[in-house]
Amino acid sequence: MNKFNLTLISGLLLAVILIKPIDLFYRMAKKVKDPAVQAVSDEFVKKLAARIKSLRIQQGYGNYEKFAIAKDINRTQYGRYEIGKDLQFSSLVRVVKAFGMTLQEFFSEGFD
């Protein structure tokens, strides 16, 4: 076996080692969620979106785009946050910081 064949084989093995866990994760994520859990999750996301929108309005921004631009947040993405789409935890932290709040302050209202 020459050096090229060893390199090719080791590259293929590495690809299999890296791709298999990603494939398994993808298939697990696509499984149907428990409807009760999904309902609770959907309700929580609605509350997050409502809280984000109400804080923007309280800070005097009638337009979400102007707030996003002023706070250096992608305006299209921020618009999705206000309707409860594509909100990741890291994005939530960034938005909360844009309001000048801690997470504790953010969650102190609207999540009864």
PDB file of N, CA and C in Angstrom:
ATOM      1  N   MET A   1       0.854  -1.164   0.000  1.00  0.00           N
ATOM      2  CA  MET A   1       0.000   0.000   0.000  1.00  0.00           C
ATOM      3  C   MET A   1       0.910   1.240   0.000  1.00  0.00           C
ATOM      4  N   ASN A   2       0.645   2.162  -0.917  1.00  0.00           N
ATOM      5  CA  ASN A   2       1.507   3.345  -0.995  1.00  0.00           C
ATOM      6  C   ASN A   2       0.953   4.475  -0.124  1.00  0.00           C
ATOM      7  N   LYS A   3       1.702   5.559  -0.085  1.00  0.00           N
ATOM      8  CA  LYS A   3       1.357   6.700   0.779  1.00  0.00           C
ATOM      9  C   LYS A   3       0.025   7.333   0.367  1.00  0.00           C
ATOM     10  N   PHE A   4      -0.245   7.391  -0.949  1.00  0.00           N
ATOM     11  CA  PHE A   4      -1.504   7.971  -1.439  1.00  0.00           C
ATOM     12  C   PHE A   4      -2.694   7.169  -0.938  1.00  0.00           C
ATOM     13  N   ASN A   5      -2.615   5.847  -1.027  1.00  0.00           N
ATOM     14  CA  ASN A   5      -3.720   4.988  -0.579  1.00  0.00           C
ATOM     15  C   ASN A   5      -3.967   5.129   0.915  1.00  0.00           C
ATOM     16  N   LEU A   6      -2.898   5.219   1.692  1.00  0.00           N
ATOM     17  CA  LEU A   6      -3.051   5.400   3.144  1.00  0.00           C
ATOM     18  C   LEU A   6      -3.706   6.735   3.457  1.00  0.00           C
ATOM     19  N   THR A   7      -3.313   7.776   2.741  1.00  0.00           N
ATOM     20  CA  THR A   7      -3.903   9.095   2.952  1.00  0.00           C
ATOM     21  C   THR A   7      -5.387   9.082   2.588  1.00  0.00           C
ATOM     22  N   LEU A   8      -5.716   8.455   1.471  1.00  0.00           N
ATOM     23  CA  LEU A   8      -7.109   8.362   1.033  1.00  0.00           C
ATOM     24  C   LEU A   8      -7.950   7.587   2.042  1.00  0.00           C
ATOM     25  N   ILE A   9      -7.438   6.453   2.497  1.00  0.00           N
ATOM     26  CA  ILE A   9      -8.164   5.628   3.464  1.00  0.00           C
ATOM     27  C   ILE A   9      -8.341   6.371   4.786  1.00  0.00           C
ATOM     28  N   SER A  10      -7.306   7.027   5.261  1.00  0.00           N
ATOM     29  CA  SER A  10      -7.427   7.752   6.526  1.00  0.00           C
ATOM     30  C   SER A  10      -8.400   8.924   6.378  1.00  0.00           C
ATOM     31  N   GLY A  11      -8.415   9.563   5.214  1.00  0.00           N
ATOM     32  CA  GLY A  11      -9.372  10.654   4.970  1.00  0.00           C
ATOM     33  C   GLY A  11     -10.801  10.161   4.963  1.00  0.00           C
ATOM     34  N   LEU A  12     -11.022   9.013   4.334  1.00  0.00           N
ATOM     35  CA  LEU A  12     -12.367   8.429   4.308  1.00  0.00           C
ATOM     36  C   LEU A  12     -12.816   8.005   5.699  1.00  0.00           C
ATOM     37  N   LEU A  13     -11.926   7.423   6.462  1.00  0.00           N
ATOM     38  CA  LEU A  13     -12.267   7.033   7.837  1.00  0.00           C
ATOM     39  C   LEU A  13     -12.620   8.254   8.684  1.00  0.00           C
ATOM     40  N   LEU A  14     -11.854   9.321   8.526  1.00  0.00           N
ATOM     41  CA  LEU A  14     -12.138  10.546   9.265  1.00  0.00           C
ATOM     42  C   LEU A  14     -13.502  11.108   8.879  1.00  0.00           C
ATOM     43  N   ALA A  15     -13.818  11.080   7.586  1.00  0.00           N
ATOM     44  CA  ALA A  15     -15.117  11.573   7.120  1.00  0.00           C
ATOM     45  C   ALA A  15     -16.251  10.750   7.726  1.00  0.00           C
ATOM     46  N   VAL A  16     -16.092   9.438   7.766  1.00  0.00           N
ATOM     47  CA  VAL A  16     -17.120   8.576   8.350  1.00  0.00           C
ATOM     48  C   VAL A  16     -17.266   8.856   9.840  1.00  0.00           C
ATOM     49  N   ILE A  17     -16.161   9.029  10.525  1.00  0.00           N
ATOM     50  CA  ILE A  17     -16.186   9.301  11.963  1.00  0.00           C
ATOM     51  C   ILE A  17     -16.887  10.622  12.252  1.00  0.00           C
ATOM     52  N   LEU A  18     -16.680  11.641  11.408  1.00  0.00           N
ATOM     53  CA  LEU A  18     -17.287  12.955  11.638  1.00  0.00           C
ATOM     54  C   LEU A  18     -18.718  13.029  11.146  1.00  0.00           C
ATOM     55  N   ILE A  19     -19.017  12.394  10.025  1.00  0.00           N
ATOM     56  CA  ILE A  19     -20.342  12.530   9.412  1.00  0.00           C
ATOM     57  C   ILE A  19     -21.392  11.688  10.123  1.00  0.00           C
ATOM     58  N   LYS A  20     -21.044  10.520  10.595  1.00  0.00           N
ATOM     59  CA  LYS A  20     -22.021   9.634  11.235  1.00  0.00           C
ATOM     60  C   LYS A  20     -22.733  10.294  12.423  1.00  0.00           C
ATOM     61  N   PRO A  21     -22.011  10.923  13.374  1.00  0.00           N
ATOM     62  CA  PRO A  21     -22.725  11.582  14.481  1.00  0.00           C
ATOM     63  C   PRO A  21     -23.625  12.724  14.007  1.00  0.00           C
ATOM     64  N   ILE A  22     -23.195  13.454  12.992  1.00  0.00           N
ATOM     65  CA  ILE A  22     -24.019  14.554  12.465  1.00  0.00           C
ATOM     66  C   ILE A  22     -25.291  13.996  11.861  1.00  0.00           C
ATOM     67  N   ASP A  23     -25.177  12.897  11.103  1.00  0.00           N
ATOM     68  CA  ASP A  23     -26.337  12.264  10.493  1.00  0.00           C
ATOM     69  C   ASP A  23     -27.307  11.761  11.560  1.00  0.00           C
ATOM     70  N   LEU A  24     -26.782  11.134  12.600  1.00  0.00           N
ATOM     71  CA  LEU A  24     -27.637  10.642  13.685  1.00  0.00           C
ATOM     72  C   LEU A  24     -28.371  11.791  14.375  1.00  0.00           C
ATOM     73  N   PHE A  25     -27.650  12.881  14.628  1.00  0.00           N
ATOM     74  CA  PHE A  25     -28.276  14.037  15.254  1.00  0.00           C
ATOM     75  C   PHE A  25     -29.385  14.597  14.371  1.00  0.00           C
ATOM     76  N   TYR A  26     -29.132  14.699  13.077  1.00  0.00           N
ATOM     77  CA  TYR A  26     -30.123  15.228  12.148  1.00  0.00           C
ATOM     78  C   TYR A  26     -31.380  14.370  12.145  1.00  0.00           C
ATOM     79  N   ARG A  27     -31.213  13.051  12.109  1.00  0.00           N
ATOM     80  CA  ARG A  27     -32.375  12.165  12.113  1.00  0.00           C
ATOM     81  C   ARG A  27     -33.149  12.257  13.425  1.00  0.00           C
ATOM     82  N   MET A  28     -32.450  12.408  14.550  1.00  0.00           N
ATOM     83  CA  MET A  28     -33.122  12.540  15.837  1.00  0.00           C
ATOM     84  C   MET A  28     -33.918  13.837  15.900  1.00  0.00           C
ATOM     85  N   ALA A  29     -33.357  14.910  15.375  1.00  0.00           N
ATOM     86  CA  ALA A  29     -34.012  16.210  15.424  1.00  0.00           C
ATOM     87  C   ALA A  29     -35.281  16.242  14.583  1.00  0.00           C
ATOM     88  N   LYS A  30     -35.351  15.408  13.552  1.00  0.00           N
ATOM     89  CA  LYS A  30     -36.509  15.393  12.672  1.00  0.00           C
ATOM     90  C   LYS A  30     -37.681  14.594  13.228  1.00  0.00           C
ATOM     91  N   LYS A  31     -37.467  13.850  14.312  1.00  0.00           N
ATOM     92  CA  LYS A  31     -38.547  13.046  14.886  1.00  0.00           C
ATOM     93  C   LYS A  31     -39.659  13.959  15.394  1.00  0.00           C
ATOM     94  N   VAL A  32     -40.865  13.462  15.341  1.00  0.00           N
ATOM     95  CA  VAL A  32     -42.024  14.222  15.798  1.00  0.00           C
ATOM     96  C   VAL A  32     -41.943  14.407  17.306  1.00  0.00           C
ATOM     97  N   LYS A  33     -42.206  15.623  17.748  1.00  0.00           N
ATOM     98  CA  LYS A  33     -42.170  15.923  19.176  1.00  0.00           C
ATOM     99  C   LYS A  33     -43.512  15.585  19.814  1.00  0.00           C
ATOM    100  N   ASP A  34     -43.475  15.394  21.098  1.00  0.00           N
ATOM    101  CA  ASP A  34     -44.691  15.171  21.876  1.00  0.00           C
ATOM    102  C   ASP A  34     -45.563  16.415  21.738  1.00  0.00           C
ATOM    103  N   PRO A  35     -46.829  16.285  21.331  1.00  0.00           N
ATOM    104  CA  PRO A  35     -47.689  17.457  21.139  1.00  0.00           C
ATOM    105  C   PRO A  35     -47.839  18.317  22.391  1.00  0.00           C
ATOM    106  N   ALA A  36     -47.866  17.702  23.554  1.00  0.00           N
ATOM    107  CA  ALA A  36     -47.994  18.475  24.789  1.00  0.00           C
ATOM    108  C   ALA A  36     -46.753  19.319  25.029  1.00  0.00           C
ATOM    109  N   VAL A  37     -45.586  18.738  24.789  1.00  0.00           N
ATOM    110  CA  VAL A  37     -44.334  19.472  24.949  1.00  0.00           C
ATOM    111  C   VAL A  37     -44.261  20.590  23.909  1.00  0.00           C
ATOM    112  N   GLN A  38     -44.661  20.293  22.674  1.00  0.00           N
ATOM    113  CA  GLN A  38     -44.630  21.294  21.616  1.00  0.00           C
ATOM    114  C   GLN A  38     -45.566  22.456  21.934  1.00  0.00           C
ATOM    115  N   ALA A  39     -46.727  22.169  22.507  1.00  0.00           N
ATOM    116  CA  ALA A  39     -47.676  23.227  22.861  1.00  0.00           C
ATOM    117  C   ALA A  39     -47.092  24.165  23.911  1.00  0.00           C
ATOM    118  N   VAL A  40     -46.425  23.595  24.911  1.00  0.00           N
ATOM    119  CA  VAL A  40     -45.795  24.409  25.945  1.00  0.00           C
ATOM    120  C   VAL A  40     -44.674  25.249  25.336  1.00  0.00           C
ATOM    121  N   SER A  41     -43.893  24.629  24.468  1.00  0.00           N
ATOM    122  CA  SER A  41     -42.802  25.334  23.802  1.00  0.00           C
ATOM    123  C   SER A  41     -43.332  26.483  22.949  1.00  0.00           C
ATOM    124  N   ASP A  42     -44.373  26.223  22.181  1.00  0.00           N
ATOM    125  CA  ASP A  42     -44.962  27.265  21.328  1.00  0.00           C
ATOM    126  C   ASP A  42     -45.484  28.432  22.155  1.00  0.00           C
ATOM    127  N   GLU A  43     -46.119  28.129  23.275  1.00  0.00           N
ATOM    128  CA  GLU A  43     -46.654  29.184  24.147  1.00  0.00           C
ATOM    129  C   GLU A  43     -45.523  30.027  24.733  1.00  0.00           C
ATOM    130  N   PHE A  44     -44.442  29.391  25.131  1.00  0.00           N
ATOM    131  CA  PHE A  44     -43.304  30.113  25.685  1.00  0.00           C
ATOM    132  C   PHE A  44     -42.674  31.027  24.635  1.00  0.00           C
ATOM    133  N   VAL A  45     -42.545  30.538  23.418  1.00  0.00           N
ATOM    134  CA  VAL A  45     -41.976  31.346  22.332  1.00  0.00           C
ATOM    135  C   VAL A  45     -42.868  32.553  22.047  1.00  0.00           C
ATOM    136  N   LYS A  46     -44.177  32.378  22.100  1.00  0.00           N
ATOM    137  CA  LYS A  46     -45.097  33.507  21.911  1.00  0.00           C
ATOM    138  C   LYS A  46     -44.886  34.560  22.994  1.00  0.00           C
ATOM    139  N   LYS A  47     -44.683  34.104  24.229  1.00  0.00           N
ATOM    140  CA  LYS A  47     -44.438  35.043  25.322  1.00  0.00           C
ATOM    141  C   LYS A  47     -43.119  35.772  25.141  1.00  0.00           C
ATOM    142  N   LEU A  48     -42.082  35.063  24.676  1.00  0.00           N
ATOM    143  CA  LEU A  48     -40.796  35.709  24.396  1.00  0.00           C
ATOM    144  C   LEU A  48     -40.971  36.801  23.343  1.00  0.00           C
ATOM    145  N   ALA A  49     -41.659  36.461  22.274  1.00  0.00           N
ATOM    146  CA  ALA A  49     -41.864  37.412  21.180  1.00  0.00           C
ATOM    147  C   ALA A  49     -42.640  38.644  21.665  1.00  0.00           C
ATOM    148  N   ALA A  50     -43.683  38.418  22.435  1.00  0.00           N
ATOM    149  CA  ALA A  50     -44.487  39.530  22.951  1.00  0.00           C
ATOM    150  C   ALA A  50     -43.667  40.424  23.879  1.00  0.00           C
ATOM    151  N   ARG A  51     -42.845  39.809  24.704  1.00  0.00           N
ATOM    152  CA  ARG A  51     -41.997  40.584  25.626  1.00  0.00           C
ATOM    153  C   ARG A  51     -40.981  41.421  24.856  1.00  0.00           C
ATOM    154  N   ILE A  52     -40.365  40.847  23.844  1.00  0.00           N
ATOM    155  CA  ILE A  52     -39.398  41.585  23.034  1.00  0.00           C
ATOM    156  C   ILE A  52     -40.069  42.781  22.365  1.00  0.00           C
ATOM    157  N   LYS A  53     -41.231  42.554  21.781  1.00  0.00           N
ATOM    158  CA  LYS A  53     -41.944  43.641  21.097  1.00  0.00           C
ATOM    159  C   LYS A  53     -42.370  44.729  22.081  1.00  0.00           C
ATOM    160  N   SER A  54     -42.896  44.340  23.244  1.00  0.00           N
ATOM    161  CA  SER A  54     -43.360  45.346  24.210  1.00  0.00           C
ATOM    162  C   SER A  54     -42.201  46.188  24.737  1.00  0.00           C
ATOM    163  N   LEU A  55     -41.034  45.567  24.943  1.00  0.00           N
ATOM    164  CA  LEU A  55     -39.874  46.332  25.415  1.00  0.00           C
ATOM    165  C   LEU A  55     -39.393  47.324  24.352  1.00  0.00           C
ATOM    166  N   ARG A  56     -39.417  46.912  23.098  1.00  0.00           N
ATOM    167  CA  ARG A  56     -39.038  47.832  22.025  1.00  0.00           C
ATOM    168  C   ARG A  56     -39.949  49.045  22.014  1.00  0.00           C
ATOM    169  N   ILE A  57     -41.229  48.812  22.123  1.00  0.00           N
ATOM    170  CA  ILE A  57     -42.205  49.910  22.117  1.00  0.00           C
ATOM    171  C   ILE A  57     -42.028  50.797  23.346  1.00  0.00           C
ATOM    172  N   GLN A  58     -41.781  50.190  24.517  1.00  0.00           N
ATOM    173  CA  GLN A  58     -41.541  50.962  25.741  1.00  0.00           C
ATOM    174  C   GLN A  58     -40.328  51.864  25.612  1.00  0.00           C
ATOM    175  N   GLN A  59     -39.344  51.422  24.842  1.00  0.00           N
ATOM    176  CA  GLN A  59     -38.145  52.236  24.659  1.00  0.00           C
ATOM    177  C   GLN A  59     -38.321  53.298  23.569  1.00  0.00           C
ATOM    178  N   GLY A  60     -39.541  53.443  23.058  1.00  0.00           N
ATOM    179  CA  GLY A  60     -39.838  54.516  22.131  1.00  0.00           C
ATOM    180  C   GLY A  60     -39.616  54.205  20.667  1.00  0.00           C
ATOM    181  N   TYR A  61     -39.424  52.967  20.341  1.00  0.00           N
ATOM    182  CA  TYR A  61     -39.243  52.574  18.941  1.00  0.00           C
ATOM    183  C   TYR A  61     -40.558  52.012  18.412  1.00  0.00           C
ATOM    184  N   GLY A  62     -41.252  52.782  17.610  1.00  0.00           N
ATOM    185  CA  GLY A  62     -42.505  52.318  17.032  1.00  0.00           C
ATOM    186  C   GLY A  62     -42.282  51.340  15.890  1.00  0.00           C
ATOM    187  N   ASN A  63     -41.088  51.318  15.353  1.00  0.00           N
ATOM    188  CA  ASN A  63     -40.763  50.495  14.203  1.00  0.00           C
ATOM    189  C   ASN A  63     -39.637  49.533  14.583  1.00  0.00           C
ATOM    190  N   TYR A  64     -39.854  48.247  14.357  1.00  0.00           N
ATOM    191  CA  TYR A  64     -38.838  47.263  14.740  1.00  0.00           C
ATOM    192  C   TYR A  64     -37.551  47.437  13.952  1.00  0.00           C
ATOM    193  N   GLU A  65     -37.669  47.893  12.697  1.00  0.00           N
ATOM    194  CA  GLU A  65     -36.478  48.063  11.865  1.00  0.00           C
ATOM    195  C   GLU A  65     -35.552  49.143  12.425  1.00  0.00           C
ATOM    196  N   LYS A  66     -36.146  50.243  12.887  1.00  0.00           N
ATOM    197  CA  LYS A  66     -35.331  51.330  13.451  1.00  0.00           C
ATOM    198  C   LYS A  66     -34.614  50.868  14.718  1.00  0.00           C
ATOM    199  N   PHE A  67     -35.318  50.082  15.546  1.00  0.00           N
ATOM    200  CA  PHE A  67     -34.680  49.542  16.757  1.00  0.00           C
ATOM    201  C   PHE A  67     -33.510  48.644  16.380  1.00  0.00           C
ATOM    202  N   ALA A  68     -33.739  47.732  15.442  1.00  0.00           N
ATOM    203  CA  ALA A  68     -32.697  46.791  15.037  1.00  0.00           C
ATOM    204  C   ALA A  68     -31.476  47.518  14.492  1.00  0.00           C
ATOM    205  N   ILE A  69     -31.692  48.510  13.672  1.00  0.00           N
ATOM    206  CA  ILE A  69     -30.577  49.275  13.106  1.00  0.00           C
ATOM    207  C   ILE A  69     -29.833  50.021  14.199  1.00  0.00           C
ATOM    208  N   ALA A  70     -30.571  50.649  15.109  1.00  0.00           N
ATOM    209  CA  ALA A  70     -29.950  51.414  16.195  1.00  0.00           C
ATOM    210  C   ALA A  70     -29.127  50.514  17.123  1.00  0.00           C
ATOM    211  N   LYS A  71     -29.540  49.265  17.269  1.00  0.00           N
ATOM    212  CA  LYS A  71     -28.868  48.344  18.191  1.00  0.00           C
ATOM    213  C   LYS A  71     -27.922  47.386  17.462  1.00  0.00           C
ATOM    214  N   ASP A  72     -27.717  47.612  16.175  1.00  0.00           N
ATOM    215  CA  ASP A  72     -26.799  46.811  15.357  1.00  0.00           C
ATOM    216  C   ASP A  72     -27.176  45.330  15.349  1.00  0.00           C
ATOM    217  N   ILE A  73     -28.467  45.081  15.130  1.00  0.00           N
ATOM    218  CA  ILE A  73     -29.003  43.730  14.993  1.00  0.00           C
ATOM    219  C   ILE A  73     -29.594  43.645  13.585  1.00  0.00           C
ATOM    220  N   ASN A  74     -29.363  42.545  12.902  1.00  0.00           N
ATOM    221  CA  ASN A  74     -29.924  42.380  11.566  1.00  0.00           C
ATOM    222  C   ASN A  74     -31.431  42.598  11.637  1.00  0.00           C
ATOM    223  N   ARG A  75     -31.931  43.555  10.866  1.00  0.00           N
ATOM    224  CA  ARG A  75     -33.345  43.938  10.982  1.00  0.00           C
ATOM    225  C   ARG A  75     -34.301  42.820  10.593  1.00  0.00           C
ATOM    226  N   THR A  76     -33.964  42.052   9.568  1.00  0.00           N
ATOM    227  CA  THR A  76     -34.822  40.944   9.157  1.00  0.00           C
ATOM    228  C   THR A  76     -34.889  39.890  10.255  1.00  0.00           C
ATOM    229  N   GLN A  77     -33.751  39.578  10.811  1.00  0.00           N
ATOM    230  CA  GLN A  77     -33.710  38.575  11.875  1.00  0.00           C
ATOM    231  C   GLN A  77     -34.460  39.076  13.109  1.00  0.00           C
ATOM    232  N   TYR A  78     -34.261  40.343  13.459  1.00  0.00           N
ATOM    233  CA  TYR A  78     -34.959  40.889  14.621  1.00  0.00           C
ATOM    234  C   TYR A  78     -36.473  40.823  14.407  1.00  0.00           C
ATOM    235  N   GLY A  79     -36.924  41.112  13.196  1.00  0.00           N
ATOM    236  CA  GLY A  79     -38.356  41.013  12.893  1.00  0.00           C
ATOM    237  C   GLY A  79     -38.884  39.614  13.157  1.00  0.00           C
ATOM    238  N   ARG A  80     -38.078  38.607  12.858  1.00  0.00           N
ATOM    239  CA  ARG A  80     -38.476  37.220  13.144  1.00  0.00           C
ATOM    240  C   ARG A  80     -38.576  36.967  14.642  1.00  0.00           C
ATOM    241  N   TYR A  81     -37.698  37.592  15.408  1.00  0.00           N
ATOM    242  CA  TYR A  81     -37.749  37.408  16.864  1.00  0.00           C
ATOM    243  C   TYR A  81     -39.081  37.904  17.422  1.00  0.00           C
ATOM    244  N   GLU A  82     -39.544  39.024  16.892  1.00  0.00           N
ATOM    245  CA  GLU A  82     -40.793  39.597  17.394  1.00  0.00           C
ATOM    246  C   GLU A  82     -42.030  38.785  17.020  1.00  0.00           C
ATOM    247  N   ILE A  83     -41.900  37.900  16.047  1.00  0.00           N
ATOM    248  CA  ILE A  83     -43.033  37.025  15.728  1.00  0.00           C
ATOM    249  C   ILE A  83     -42.783  35.587  16.185  1.00  0.00           C
ATOM    250  N   GLY A  84     -41.674  35.379  16.881  1.00  0.00           N
ATOM    251  CA  GLY A  84     -41.396  34.072  17.473  1.00  0.00           C
ATOM    252  C   GLY A  84     -40.782  33.066  16.527  1.00  0.00           C
ATOM    253  N   LYS A  85     -39.991  33.516  15.587  1.00  0.00           N
ATOM    254  CA  LYS A  85     -39.325  32.608  14.637  1.00  0.00           C
ATOM    255  C   LYS A  85     -37.813  32.682  14.814  1.00  0.00           C
ATOM    256  N   ASP A  86     -37.144  31.561  14.677  1.00  0.00           N
ATOM    257  CA  ASP A  86     -35.674  31.495  14.624  1.00  0.00           C
ATOM    258  C   ASP A  86     -34.974  32.133  15.822  1.00  0.00           C
ATOM    259  N   LEU A  87     -35.528  32.012  16.995  1.00  0.00           N
ATOM    260  CA  LEU A  87     -34.908  32.639  18.158  1.00  0.00           C
ATOM    261  C   LEU A  87     -34.066  31.626  18.910  1.00  0.00           C
ATOM    262  N   GLN A  88     -32.762  31.782  18.835  1.00  0.00           N
ATOM    263  CA  GLN A  88     -31.838  30.945  19.572  1.00  0.00           C
ATOM    264  C   GLN A  88     -31.463  31.661  20.866  1.00  0.00           C
ATOM    265  N   PHE A  89     -30.952  30.888  21.824  1.00  0.00           N
ATOM    266  CA  PHE A  89     -30.608  31.485  23.109  1.00  0.00           C
ATOM    267  C   PHE A  89     -29.575  32.593  22.961  1.00  0.00           C
ATOM    268  N   SER A  90     -28.555  32.378  22.141  1.00  0.00           N
ATOM    269  CA  SER A  90     -27.525  33.407  21.953  1.00  0.00           C
ATOM    270  C   SER A  90     -28.122  34.682  21.369  1.00  0.00           C
ATOM    271  N   SER A  91     -29.109  34.531  20.489  1.00  0.00           N
ATOM    272  CA  SER A  91     -29.785  35.699  19.929  1.00  0.00           C
ATOM    273  C   SER A  91     -30.611  36.411  20.994  1.00  0.00           C
ATOM    274  N   LEU A  92     -31.269  35.636  21.840  1.00  0.00           N
ATOM    275  CA  LEU A  92     -32.056  36.221  22.923  1.00  0.00           C
ATOM    276  C   LEU A  92     -31.160  37.035  23.848  1.00  0.00           C
ATOM    277  N   VAL A  93     -30.008  36.511  24.187  1.00  0.00           N
ATOM    278  CA  VAL A  93     -29.074  37.226  25.059  1.00  0.00           C
ATOM    279  C   VAL A  93     -28.673  38.556  24.411  1.00  0.00           C
ATOM    280  N   ARG A  94     -28.412  38.530  23.121  1.00  0.00           N
ATOM    281  CA  ARG A  94     -28.027  39.761  22.419  1.00  0.00           C
ATOM    282  C   ARG A  94     -29.163  40.793  22.442  1.00  0.00           C
ATOM    283  N   VAL A  95     -30.382  40.346  22.225  1.00  0.00           N
ATOM    284  CA  VAL A  95     -31.536  41.251  22.237  1.00  0.00           C
ATOM    285  C   VAL A  95     -31.745  41.816  23.635  1.00  0.00           C
ATOM    286  N   VAL A  96     -31.643  40.973  24.653  1.00  0.00           N
ATOM    287  CA  VAL A  96     -31.806  41.434  26.039  1.00  0.00           C
ATOM    288  C   VAL A  96     -30.752  42.486  26.366  1.00  0.00           C
ATOM    289  N   LYS A  97     -29.526  42.273  25.929  1.00  0.00           N
ATOM    290  CA  LYS A  97     -28.466  43.260  26.141  1.00  0.00           C
ATOM    291  C   LYS A  97     -28.780  44.560  25.406  1.00  0.00           C
ATOM    292  N   ALA A  98     -29.375  44.460  24.233  1.00  0.00           N
ATOM    293  CA  ALA A  98     -29.749  45.665  23.473  1.00  0.00           C
ATOM    294  C   ALA A  98     -30.772  46.500  24.235  1.00  0.00           C
ATOM    295  N   PHE A  99     -31.601  45.844  25.044  1.00  0.00           N
ATOM    296  CA  PHE A  99     -32.558  46.567  25.879  1.00  0.00           C
ATOM    297  C   PHE A  99     -31.906  47.099  27.149  1.00  0.00           C
ATOM    298  N   GLY A 100     -30.643  46.763  27.375  1.00  0.00           N
ATOM    299  CA  GLY A 100     -29.951  47.214  28.582  1.00  0.00           C
ATOM    300  C   GLY A 100     -30.420  46.492  29.830  1.00  0.00           C
ATOM    301  N   MET A 101     -30.767  45.219  29.673  1.00  0.00           N
ATOM    302  CA  MET A 101     -31.320  44.444  30.778  1.00  0.00           C
ATOM    303  C   MET A 101     -30.507  43.185  31.011  1.00  0.00           C
ATOM    304  N   THR A 102     -30.737  42.580  32.170  1.00  0.00           N
ATOM    305  CA  THR A 102     -30.220  41.249  32.440  1.00  0.00           C
ATOM    306  C   THR A 102     -31.306  40.246  32.046  1.00  0.00           C
ATOM    307  N   LEU A 103     -30.942  38.988  31.962  1.00  0.00           N
ATOM    308  CA  LEU A 103     -31.953  37.971  31.676  1.00  0.00           C
ATOM    309  C   LEU A 103     -32.994  37.909  32.786  1.00  0.00           C
ATOM    310  N   GLN A 104     -32.544  38.092  34.017  1.00  0.00           N
ATOM    311  CA  GLN A 104     -33.476  38.082  35.143  1.00  0.00           C
ATOM    312  C   GLN A 104     -34.505  39.211  34.996  1.00  0.00           C
ATOM    313  N   GLU A 105     -34.059  40.388  34.625  1.00  0.00           N
ATOM    314  CA  GLU A 105     -34.986  41.516  34.427  1.00  0.00           C
ATOM    315  C   GLU A 105     -35.938  41.228  33.269  1.00  0.00           C
ATOM    316  N   PHE A 106     -35.392  40.659  32.194  1.00  0.00           N
ATOM    317  CA  PHE A 106     -36.221  40.348  31.025  1.00  0.00           C
ATOM    318  C   PHE A 106     -37.353  39.391  31.394  1.00  0.00           C
ATOM    319  N   PHE A 107     -37.026  38.344  32.128  1.00  0.00           N
ATOM    320  CA  PHE A 107     -38.024  37.324  32.452  1.00  0.00           C
ATOM    321  C   PHE A 107     -38.871  37.679  33.672  1.00  0.00           C
ATOM    322  N   SER A 108     -38.678  38.858  34.244  1.00  0.00           N
ATOM    323  CA  SER A 108     -39.444  39.238  35.427  1.00  0.00           C
ATOM    324  C   SER A 108     -40.899  39.597  35.113  1.00  0.00           C
ATOM    325  N   GLU A 109     -41.224  39.826  33.862  1.00  0.00           N
ATOM    326  CA  GLU A 109     -42.601  40.160  33.469  1.00  0.00           C
ATOM    327  C   GLU A 109     -43.033  39.316  32.286  1.00  0.00           C
ATOM    328  N   GLY A 110     -44.331  38.964  32.278  1.00  0.00           N
ATOM    329  CA  GLY A 110     -44.920  38.314  31.125  1.00  0.00           C
ATOM    330  C   GLY A 110     -44.755  36.808  31.021  1.00  0.00           C
ATOM    331  N   PHE A 111     -44.217  36.180  32.055  1.00  0.00           N
ATOM    332  CA  PHE A 111     -44.000  34.737  31.994  1.00  0.00           C
ATOM    333  C   PHE A 111     -44.632  34.021  33.175  1.00  0.00           C
ATOM    334  N   ASP A 112     -45.810  34.440  33.534  1.00  0.00           N
ATOM    335  CA  ASP A 112     -46.522  33.832  34.669  1.00  0.00           C
ATOM    336  C   ASP A 112     -46.972  32.435  34.356  1.00  0.00           C
TER     337      ASP A 112
END
